[in-house]
Amino acid sequence: MKKETNTSKKNPFEKFASVVSIATGSTLAFIISFVCVLVWLITGPVFHYSENWQMVINTGTSIITFLMVFLIQKAQNKDSLAIQLKLNELVAAHEFASNRLVNVENMTEDELKIIQKYYSRLSDFTKKEDSLQQSHSIDELSNLHDLKQEMEKELEEKNINNPETTK
């Protein structure tokens, strides 16, 4: 029987991106970069601050920056996906949470604005409660709103059928 480990098979680029992201975010990487800049500055007088001397730092930093953008984005995409999955698990596991938010990261900006309005209404609804510690979901708010509309409709129908009750 094969023993399962916590690490799964990663493709080579993913491994490389992960290692480089961790390494470049370290104190040692900053110190090495700082020393390189200092060496470059110190050698300025030796090379008479020539165009070639300036080109060395410009080219080096441009190449490193260009490559780092892609490595950092790769690591950021993976981290973002992992966070989304963890949040989805929390939303799906909580009995009072609205499960329609599980796939929220794939919605359009307009759809997200609509959900934001729902949460704004939920906030207004919660402010009216006696207890600040009471929890509500979008679905609960919707159900209460539907119930209120049904009651208003019922009352309206009674008033139409029996006009004397309104006087």
N, C-alpha and C. Protein backbone atom coordinates (compact mmCIF):
# COMPACT_ATOMS: atom_id res chain seq x y z
N MET A 1 0.84 -1.18 0.00
CA MET A 1 0.00 0.00 0.00
C MET A 1 0.88 1.24 0.00
N LYS A 2 0.59 2.18 -0.89
CA LYS A 2 1.37 3.39 -1.01
C LYS A 2 0.95 4.39 0.06
N LYS A 3 1.93 5.00 0.70
CA LYS A 3 1.65 5.98 1.73
C LYS A 3 1.41 7.35 1.08
N GLU A 4 0.28 7.99 1.39
CA GLU A 4 -0.03 9.28 0.80
C GLU A 4 0.67 10.37 1.59
N THR A 5 1.22 11.32 0.88
CA THR A 5 1.87 12.46 1.53
C THR A 5 1.03 13.70 1.31
N ASN A 6 1.36 14.73 2.06
CA ASN A 6 0.62 15.98 1.98
C ASN A 6 0.96 16.75 0.70
N THR A 7 2.11 16.48 0.12
CA THR A 7 2.48 17.18 -1.10
C THR A 7 2.07 16.36 -2.30
N SER A 8 1.50 17.03 -3.26
CA SER A 8 1.08 16.35 -4.49
C SER A 8 2.12 16.60 -5.57
N LYS A 9 1.94 15.94 -6.70
CA LYS A 9 2.88 16.12 -7.80
C LYS A 9 2.67 17.51 -8.41
N LYS A 10 3.75 18.27 -8.47
CA LYS A 10 3.70 19.58 -9.08
C LYS A 10 4.48 19.52 -10.39
N ASN A 11 4.05 20.32 -11.35
CA ASN A 11 4.84 20.39 -12.58
C ASN A 11 6.12 21.18 -12.30
N PRO A 12 7.13 21.00 -13.11
CA PRO A 12 8.43 21.65 -12.85
C PRO A 12 8.36 23.17 -12.72
N PHE A 13 7.55 23.82 -13.56
CA PHE A 13 7.45 25.28 -13.48
C PHE A 13 6.82 25.71 -12.17
N GLU A 14 5.82 24.96 -11.72
CA GLU A 14 5.17 25.29 -10.45
C GLU A 14 6.15 25.17 -9.30
N LYS A 15 6.96 24.11 -9.30
CA LYS A 15 7.99 23.95 -8.26
C LYS A 15 8.98 25.11 -8.31
N PHE A 16 9.44 25.42 -9.53
CA PHE A 16 10.41 26.49 -9.72
C PHE A 16 9.83 27.82 -9.23
N ALA A 17 8.61 28.13 -9.63
CA ALA A 17 7.97 29.39 -9.25
C ALA A 17 7.81 29.49 -7.74
N SER A 18 7.43 28.39 -7.12
CA SER A 18 7.26 28.38 -5.68
C SER A 18 8.59 28.61 -4.96
N VAL A 19 9.63 27.91 -5.38
CA VAL A 19 10.95 28.06 -4.74
C VAL A 19 11.50 29.47 -4.94
N VAL A 20 11.40 29.98 -6.18
CA VAL A 20 11.93 31.32 -6.48
C VAL A 20 11.14 32.39 -5.73
N SER A 21 9.82 32.24 -5.64
CA SER A 21 9.00 33.22 -4.91
C SER A 21 9.39 33.27 -3.44
N ILE A 22 9.61 32.12 -2.86
CA ILE A 22 10.02 32.07 -1.45
C ILE A 22 11.42 32.67 -1.29
N ALA A 23 12.33 32.29 -2.18
CA ALA A 23 13.72 32.76 -2.09
C ALA A 23 13.82 34.27 -2.29
N THR A 24 13.12 34.79 -3.29
CA THR A 24 13.22 36.22 -3.57
C THR A 24 12.52 37.08 -2.53
N GLY A 25 11.65 36.50 -1.77
CA GLY A 25 10.99 37.24 -0.70
C GLY A 25 11.74 37.18 0.61
N SER A 26 12.92 36.62 0.61
CA SER A 26 13.69 36.46 1.84
C SER A 26 14.58 37.68 2.13
N THR A 27 15.04 37.76 3.34
CA THR A 27 15.96 38.81 3.74
C THR A 27 17.28 38.69 2.98
N LEU A 28 17.74 37.46 2.80
CA LEU A 28 18.99 37.24 2.08
C LEU A 28 18.92 37.78 0.66
N ALA A 29 17.80 37.58 -0.02
CA ALA A 29 17.65 38.10 -1.38
C ALA A 29 17.72 39.62 -1.39
N PHE A 30 17.12 40.26 -0.41
CA PHE A 30 17.19 41.71 -0.33
C PHE A 30 18.62 42.17 -0.09
N ILE A 31 19.32 41.50 0.80
CA ILE A 31 20.71 41.88 1.09
C ILE A 31 21.59 41.71 -0.15
N ILE A 32 21.42 40.61 -0.86
CA ILE A 32 22.20 40.38 -2.09
C ILE A 32 21.90 41.47 -3.11
N SER A 33 20.65 41.83 -3.29
CA SER A 33 20.28 42.89 -4.23
C SER A 33 20.87 44.23 -3.81
N PHE A 34 20.80 44.50 -2.53
CA PHE A 34 21.35 45.76 -2.01
C PHE A 34 22.86 45.82 -2.22
N VAL A 35 23.55 44.73 -1.97
CA VAL A 35 25.01 44.66 -2.19
C VAL A 35 25.34 44.85 -3.67
N CYS A 36 24.56 44.24 -4.54
CA CYS A 36 24.79 44.42 -5.99
C CYS A 36 24.68 45.88 -6.38
N VAL A 37 23.68 46.57 -5.87
CA VAL A 37 23.51 48.00 -6.17
C VAL A 37 24.69 48.80 -5.60
N LEU A 38 25.12 48.47 -4.40
CA LEU A 38 26.27 49.16 -3.80
C LEU A 38 27.54 48.95 -4.64
N VAL A 39 27.78 47.72 -5.08
CA VAL A 39 28.95 47.41 -5.92
C VAL A 39 28.86 48.21 -7.21
N TRP A 40 27.68 48.26 -7.77
CA TRP A 40 27.48 49.03 -9.01
C TRP A 40 27.80 50.50 -8.77
N LEU A 41 27.30 51.06 -7.66
CA LEU A 41 27.56 52.47 -7.34
C LEU A 41 29.06 52.73 -7.13
N ILE A 42 29.70 51.83 -6.39
CA ILE A 42 31.13 52.00 -6.09
C ILE A 42 31.97 51.93 -7.36
N THR A 43 31.55 51.10 -8.32
CA THR A 43 32.33 50.97 -9.56
C THR A 43 32.06 52.11 -10.54
N GLY A 44 31.16 52.99 -10.23
CA GLY A 44 30.85 54.13 -11.09
C GLY A 44 32.08 54.95 -11.46
N PRO A 45 32.85 55.41 -10.47
CA PRO A 45 34.04 56.20 -10.79
C PRO A 45 35.08 55.42 -11.61
N VAL A 46 35.17 54.11 -11.36
CA VAL A 46 36.12 53.28 -12.09
C VAL A 46 35.79 53.27 -13.57
N PHE A 47 34.52 53.21 -13.90
CA PHE A 47 34.07 53.16 -15.29
C PHE A 47 33.67 54.55 -15.81
N HIS A 48 34.00 55.58 -15.02
CA HIS A 48 33.73 56.98 -15.39
C HIS A 48 32.24 57.22 -15.68
N TYR A 49 31.41 56.52 -14.94
CA TYR A 49 29.95 56.67 -15.06
C TYR A 49 29.51 56.60 -16.52
N SER A 50 30.08 55.67 -17.24
CA SER A 50 29.83 55.54 -18.68
C SER A 50 28.43 54.99 -18.96
N GLU A 51 28.07 55.06 -20.23
CA GLU A 51 26.78 54.51 -20.65
C GLU A 51 26.73 53.00 -20.43
N ASN A 52 27.85 52.33 -20.66
CA ASN A 52 27.90 50.88 -20.42
C ASN A 52 27.69 50.56 -18.95
N TRP A 53 28.27 51.37 -18.09
CA TRP A 53 28.10 51.18 -16.64
C TRP A 53 26.62 51.32 -16.27
N GLN A 54 25.94 52.32 -16.82
CA GLN A 54 24.52 52.53 -16.56
C GLN A 54 23.68 51.41 -17.17
N MET A 55 24.12 50.96 -18.36
CA MET A 55 23.38 49.91 -19.06
C MET A 55 23.38 48.60 -18.27
N VAL A 56 24.43 48.32 -17.53
CA VAL A 56 24.52 47.09 -16.73
C VAL A 56 23.38 47.03 -15.72
N ILE A 57 23.19 48.09 -14.95
CA ILE A 57 22.14 48.06 -13.92
C ILE A 57 20.76 48.12 -14.56
N ASN A 58 20.60 48.93 -15.61
CA ASN A 58 19.30 49.03 -16.27
C ASN A 58 18.87 47.70 -16.88
N THR A 59 19.77 47.06 -17.59
CA THR A 59 19.44 45.78 -18.23
C THR A 59 19.18 44.70 -17.18
N GLY A 60 20.07 44.64 -16.20
CA GLY A 60 19.91 43.61 -15.15
C GLY A 60 18.59 43.74 -14.41
N THR A 61 18.27 44.95 -13.98
CA THR A 61 17.02 45.13 -13.24
C THR A 61 15.80 44.92 -14.12
N SER A 62 15.90 45.32 -15.39
CA SER A 62 14.76 45.11 -16.30
C SER A 62 14.48 43.63 -16.53
N ILE A 63 15.52 42.86 -16.75
CA ILE A 63 15.34 41.42 -16.99
C ILE A 63 14.79 40.74 -15.74
N ILE A 64 15.36 41.05 -14.60
CA ILE A 64 14.90 40.43 -13.34
C ILE A 64 13.44 40.82 -13.07
N THR A 65 13.11 42.09 -13.25
CA THR A 65 11.73 42.54 -13.02
C THR A 65 10.76 41.86 -13.96
N PHE A 66 11.11 41.78 -15.22
CA PHE A 66 10.25 41.15 -16.23
C PHE A 66 9.96 39.70 -15.85
N LEU A 67 10.98 38.94 -15.50
CA LEU A 67 10.79 37.54 -15.14
C LEU A 67 10.04 37.38 -13.82
N MET A 68 10.33 38.25 -12.86
CA MET A 68 9.69 38.14 -11.54
C MET A 68 8.19 38.41 -11.61
N VAL A 69 7.77 39.26 -12.51
CA VAL A 69 6.34 39.54 -12.66
C VAL A 69 5.58 38.24 -12.92
N PHE A 70 6.11 37.41 -13.81
CA PHE A 70 5.42 36.17 -14.15
C PHE A 70 5.50 35.15 -13.02
N LEU A 71 6.64 35.08 -12.36
CA LEU A 71 6.77 34.14 -11.25
C LEU A 71 5.86 34.54 -10.08
N ILE A 72 5.83 35.81 -9.78
CA ILE A 72 4.98 36.28 -8.69
C ILE A 72 3.51 36.07 -9.04
N GLN A 73 3.14 36.34 -10.28
CA GLN A 73 1.75 36.14 -10.69
C GLN A 73 1.35 34.67 -10.60
N LYS A 74 2.24 33.78 -10.99
CA LYS A 74 1.98 32.33 -10.89
C LYS A 74 1.72 31.95 -9.43
N ALA A 75 2.61 32.41 -8.54
CA ALA A 75 2.44 32.11 -7.12
C ALA A 75 1.17 32.74 -6.57
N GLN A 76 0.87 33.97 -7.00
CA GLN A 76 -0.34 34.67 -6.54
C GLN A 76 -1.61 33.95 -7.01
N ASN A 77 -1.61 33.48 -8.25
CA ASN A 77 -2.77 32.74 -8.76
C ASN A 77 -3.03 31.48 -7.93
N LYS A 78 -1.96 30.77 -7.62
CA LYS A 78 -2.10 29.54 -6.83
C LYS A 78 -2.61 29.87 -5.42
N ASP A 79 -2.03 30.89 -4.79
CA ASP A 79 -2.46 31.28 -3.45
C ASP A 79 -3.92 31.74 -3.45
N SER A 80 -4.27 32.50 -4.47
CA SER A 80 -5.64 33.00 -4.57
C SER A 80 -6.64 31.85 -4.72
N LEU A 81 -6.29 30.88 -5.55
CA LEU A 81 -7.16 29.71 -5.73
C LEU A 81 -7.29 28.92 -4.43
N ALA A 82 -6.18 28.75 -3.73
CA ALA A 82 -6.22 28.02 -2.46
C ALA A 82 -7.10 28.74 -1.44
N ILE A 83 -7.00 30.05 -1.37
CA ILE A 83 -7.83 30.83 -0.44
C ILE A 83 -9.30 30.72 -0.84
N GLN A 84 -9.60 30.82 -2.13
CA GLN A 84 -10.97 30.68 -2.59
C GLN A 84 -11.55 29.32 -2.21
N LEU A 85 -10.76 28.27 -2.38
CA LEU A 85 -11.24 26.93 -2.03
C LEU A 85 -11.49 26.80 -0.53
N LYS A 86 -10.63 27.38 0.27
CA LYS A 86 -10.83 27.34 1.72
C LYS A 86 -12.08 28.10 2.11
N LEU A 87 -12.28 29.28 1.50
CA LEU A 87 -13.49 30.05 1.79
C LEU A 87 -14.74 29.33 1.32
N ASN A 88 -14.64 28.69 0.15
CA ASN A 88 -15.78 27.91 -0.35
C ASN A 88 -16.14 26.80 0.62
N GLU A 89 -15.14 26.15 1.17
CA GLU A 89 -15.38 25.08 2.14
C GLU A 89 -16.09 25.63 3.39
N LEU A 90 -15.65 26.79 3.86
CA LEU A 90 -16.29 27.40 5.02
C LEU A 90 -17.73 27.79 4.73
N VAL A 91 -17.97 28.37 3.57
CA VAL A 91 -19.33 28.76 3.20
C VAL A 91 -20.21 27.52 3.06
N ALA A 92 -19.69 26.50 2.40
CA ALA A 92 -20.48 25.28 2.18
C ALA A 92 -20.75 24.55 3.49
N ALA A 93 -19.84 24.65 4.44
CA ALA A 93 -19.98 23.91 5.70
C ALA A 93 -20.92 24.60 6.69
N HIS A 94 -21.09 25.89 6.56
CA HIS A 94 -21.91 26.63 7.53
C HIS A 94 -23.38 26.55 7.14
N GLU A 95 -24.21 26.08 8.04
CA GLU A 95 -25.61 25.84 7.71
C GLU A 95 -26.40 27.11 7.42
N PHE A 96 -25.98 28.25 7.96
CA PHE A 96 -26.72 29.49 7.74
C PHE A 96 -26.15 30.32 6.59
N ALA A 97 -25.04 29.89 6.02
CA ALA A 97 -24.43 30.66 4.93
C ALA A 97 -25.16 30.39 3.62
N SER A 98 -25.10 31.38 2.75
CA SER A 98 -25.72 31.23 1.44
C SER A 98 -24.75 30.51 0.51
N ASN A 99 -25.12 29.32 0.07
CA ASN A 99 -24.24 28.52 -0.77
C ASN A 99 -24.09 29.09 -2.18
N ARG A 100 -24.89 30.06 -2.54
CA ARG A 100 -24.74 30.64 -3.87
C ARG A 100 -23.44 31.43 -3.98
N LEU A 101 -22.79 31.69 -2.85
CA LEU A 101 -21.52 32.41 -2.86
C LEU A 101 -20.32 31.50 -3.07
N VAL A 102 -20.53 30.20 -3.12
CA VAL A 102 -19.42 29.27 -3.27
C VAL A 102 -18.64 29.54 -4.55
N ASN A 103 -19.29 29.96 -5.60
CA ASN A 103 -18.62 30.17 -6.88
C ASN A 103 -18.56 31.67 -7.23
N VAL A 104 -18.50 32.52 -6.23
CA VAL A 104 -18.58 33.96 -6.43
C VAL A 104 -17.42 34.51 -7.25
N GLU A 105 -16.25 33.90 -7.19
CA GLU A 105 -15.10 34.43 -7.92
C GLU A 105 -15.27 34.32 -9.44
N ASN A 106 -16.23 33.53 -9.91
CA ASN A 106 -16.46 33.40 -11.34
C ASN A 106 -17.61 34.27 -11.85
N MET A 107 -18.16 35.09 -10.97
CA MET A 107 -19.26 35.97 -11.36
C MET A 107 -18.73 37.24 -12.02
N THR A 108 -19.61 37.89 -12.76
CA THR A 108 -19.24 39.17 -13.38
C THR A 108 -19.26 40.27 -12.33
N GLU A 109 -18.69 41.41 -12.68
CA GLU A 109 -18.67 42.53 -11.75
C GLU A 109 -20.09 43.00 -11.43
N ASP A 110 -20.97 42.99 -12.43
CA ASP A 110 -22.37 43.39 -12.21
C ASP A 110 -23.06 42.45 -11.23
N GLU A 111 -22.81 41.15 -11.38
CA GLU A 111 -23.40 40.17 -10.45
C GLU A 111 -22.88 40.39 -9.03
N LEU A 112 -21.59 40.72 -8.91
CA LEU A 112 -21.01 40.98 -7.59
C LEU A 112 -21.63 42.23 -6.96
N LYS A 113 -21.94 43.23 -7.77
CA LYS A 113 -22.57 44.45 -7.25
C LYS A 113 -23.97 44.16 -6.73
N ILE A 114 -24.68 43.25 -7.41
CA ILE A 114 -26.02 42.86 -6.95
C ILE A 114 -25.92 42.17 -5.59
N ILE A 115 -24.96 41.27 -5.46
CA ILE A 115 -24.77 40.58 -4.17
C ILE A 115 -24.37 41.57 -3.09
N GLN A 116 -23.57 42.57 -3.46
CA GLN A 116 -23.19 43.60 -2.50
C GLN A 116 -24.43 44.35 -2.00
N LYS A 117 -25.38 44.60 -2.89
CA LYS A 117 -26.63 45.26 -2.49
C LYS A 117 -27.41 44.38 -1.52
N TYR A 118 -27.44 43.07 -1.79
CA TYR A 118 -28.11 42.15 -0.86
C TYR A 118 -27.48 42.24 0.53
N TYR A 119 -26.15 42.26 0.58
CA TYR A 119 -25.48 42.33 1.87
C TYR A 119 -25.72 43.67 2.55
N SER A 120 -25.86 44.71 1.77
CA SER A 120 -26.19 46.01 2.35
C SER A 120 -27.57 45.95 2.99
N ARG A 121 -28.52 45.31 2.30
CA ARG A 121 -29.87 45.13 2.87
C ARG A 121 -29.83 44.26 4.12
N LEU A 122 -29.00 43.24 4.06
CA LEU A 122 -28.85 42.35 5.21
C LEU A 122 -28.31 43.12 6.40
N SER A 123 -27.37 44.02 6.14
CA SER A 123 -26.81 44.85 7.20
C SER A 123 -27.89 45.75 7.80
N ASP A 124 -28.71 46.36 6.94
CA ASP A 124 -29.81 47.19 7.43
C ASP A 124 -30.79 46.37 8.26
N PHE A 125 -31.08 45.16 7.78
CA PHE A 125 -31.99 44.26 8.49
C PHE A 125 -31.42 43.90 9.87
N THR A 126 -30.13 43.62 9.93
CA THR A 126 -29.49 43.22 11.18
C THR A 126 -29.47 44.37 12.18
N LYS A 127 -29.34 45.60 11.70
CA LYS A 127 -29.32 46.77 12.59
C LYS A 127 -30.65 46.93 13.32
N LYS A 128 -31.73 46.43 12.72
CA LYS A 128 -33.06 46.54 13.32
C LYS A 128 -33.30 45.49 14.41
N GLU A 129 -32.44 44.51 14.50
CA GLU A 129 -32.59 43.42 15.46
C GLU A 129 -32.26 43.89 16.87
N ASP A 130 -32.82 43.19 17.86
CA ASP A 130 -32.54 43.51 19.26
C ASP A 130 -31.11 43.13 19.64
N SER A 131 -30.63 42.03 19.10
CA SER A 131 -29.31 41.53 19.46
C SER A 131 -28.34 41.72 18.30
N LEU A 132 -27.18 42.27 18.60
CA LEU A 132 -26.15 42.45 17.58
C LEU A 132 -25.45 41.14 17.26
N GLN A 133 -25.65 40.14 18.11
CA GLN A 133 -24.95 38.87 17.93
C GLN A 133 -25.75 37.87 17.10
N GLN A 134 -26.95 38.25 16.71
CA GLN A 134 -27.77 37.35 15.90
C GLN A 134 -27.25 37.33 14.47
N SER A 135 -27.21 36.15 13.88
CA SER A 135 -26.68 35.99 12.52
C SER A 135 -27.83 35.78 11.54
N HIS A 136 -27.67 36.37 10.35
CA HIS A 136 -28.68 36.23 9.31
C HIS A 136 -27.99 35.94 7.99
N SER A 137 -28.72 35.28 7.10
CA SER A 137 -28.18 35.01 5.77
C SER A 137 -29.03 35.72 4.74
N ILE A 138 -28.51 35.78 3.52
CA ILE A 138 -29.27 36.38 2.42
C ILE A 138 -30.56 35.62 2.21
N ASP A 139 -30.48 34.30 2.28
CA ASP A 139 -31.68 33.48 2.08
C ASP A 139 -32.74 33.77 3.14
N GLU A 140 -32.30 33.94 4.38
CA GLU A 140 -33.24 34.23 5.46
C GLU A 140 -33.91 35.58 5.22
N LEU A 141 -33.13 36.56 4.81
CA LEU A 141 -33.67 37.88 4.52
C LEU A 141 -34.69 37.79 3.38
N SER A 142 -34.35 37.03 2.37
CA SER A 142 -35.25 36.84 1.23
C SER A 142 -36.54 36.16 1.68
N ASN A 143 -36.43 35.14 2.53
CA ASN A 143 -37.62 34.44 3.04
C ASN A 143 -38.49 35.38 3.86
N LEU A 144 -37.86 36.20 4.70
CA LEU A 144 -38.63 37.15 5.50
C LEU A 144 -39.31 38.19 4.60
N HIS A 145 -38.59 38.61 3.58
CA HIS A 145 -39.17 39.57 2.63
C HIS A 145 -40.35 38.94 1.90
N ASP A 146 -40.20 37.69 1.47
CA ASP A 146 -41.29 36.98 0.79
C ASP A 146 -42.48 36.82 1.73
N LEU A 147 -42.21 36.48 2.98
CA LEU A 147 -43.27 36.31 3.98
C LEU A 147 -44.00 37.64 4.18
N LYS A 148 -43.23 38.72 4.28
CA LYS A 148 -43.83 40.05 4.46
C LYS A 148 -44.70 40.41 3.25
N GLN A 149 -44.22 40.13 2.05
CA GLN A 149 -45.01 40.41 0.85
C GLN A 149 -46.29 39.58 0.82
N GLU A 150 -46.20 38.31 1.22
CA GLU A 150 -47.39 37.45 1.26
C GLU A 150 -48.41 38.00 2.25
N MET A 151 -47.91 38.43 3.42
CA MET A 151 -48.82 38.98 4.43
C MET A 151 -49.47 40.27 3.94
N GLU A 152 -48.68 41.12 3.28
CA GLU A 152 -49.23 42.37 2.74
C GLU A 152 -50.26 42.07 1.65
N LYS A 153 -49.97 41.08 0.82
CA LYS A 153 -50.90 40.70 -0.24
C LYS A 153 -52.20 40.15 0.36
N GLU A 154 -52.06 39.33 1.41
CA GLU A 154 -53.23 38.77 2.09
C GLU A 154 -54.08 39.88 2.69
N LEU A 155 -53.42 40.83 3.32
CA LEU A 155 -54.12 41.95 3.94
C LEU A 155 -54.82 42.80 2.87
N GLU A 156 -54.13 43.00 1.76
CA GLU A 156 -54.70 43.75 0.65
C GLU A 156 -55.94 43.05 0.10
N GLU A 157 -55.87 41.72 -0.07
CA GLU A 157 -57.01 40.95 -0.57
C GLU A 157 -58.18 41.02 0.39
N LYS A 158 -57.89 40.96 1.69
CA LYS A 158 -58.97 41.06 2.68
C LYS A 158 -59.64 42.43 2.60
N ASN A 159 -58.81 43.46 2.41
CA ASN A 159 -59.36 44.82 2.32
C ASN A 159 -60.19 45.01 1.05
N ILE A 160 -59.77 44.36 -0.04
CA ILE A 160 -60.55 44.45 -1.29
C ILE A 160 -61.86 43.69 -1.15
N ASN A 161 -61.81 42.51 -0.54
CA ASN A 161 -63.01 41.70 -0.39
C ASN A 161 -63.95 42.24 0.69
N ASN A 162 -63.39 42.90 1.69
CA ASN A 162 -64.19 43.39 2.79
C ASN A 162 -63.79 44.84 3.07
N PRO A 163 -64.34 45.79 2.28
CA PRO A 163 -63.94 47.20 2.40
C PRO A 163 -64.28 47.82 3.75
N GLU A 164 -65.20 47.23 4.50
CA GLU A 164 -65.60 47.81 5.76
C GLU A 164 -64.50 47.74 6.81
N THR A 165 -63.54 46.81 6.67
CA THR A 165 -62.49 46.65 7.67
C THR A 165 -61.47 47.77 7.60
N THR A 166 -61.41 48.50 6.49
CA THR A 166 -60.45 49.57 6.35
C THR A 166 -60.93 50.86 6.97
N LYS A 167 -62.22 50.95 7.29
CA LYS A 167 -62.78 52.18 7.86
C LYS A 167 -62.62 52.23 9.36
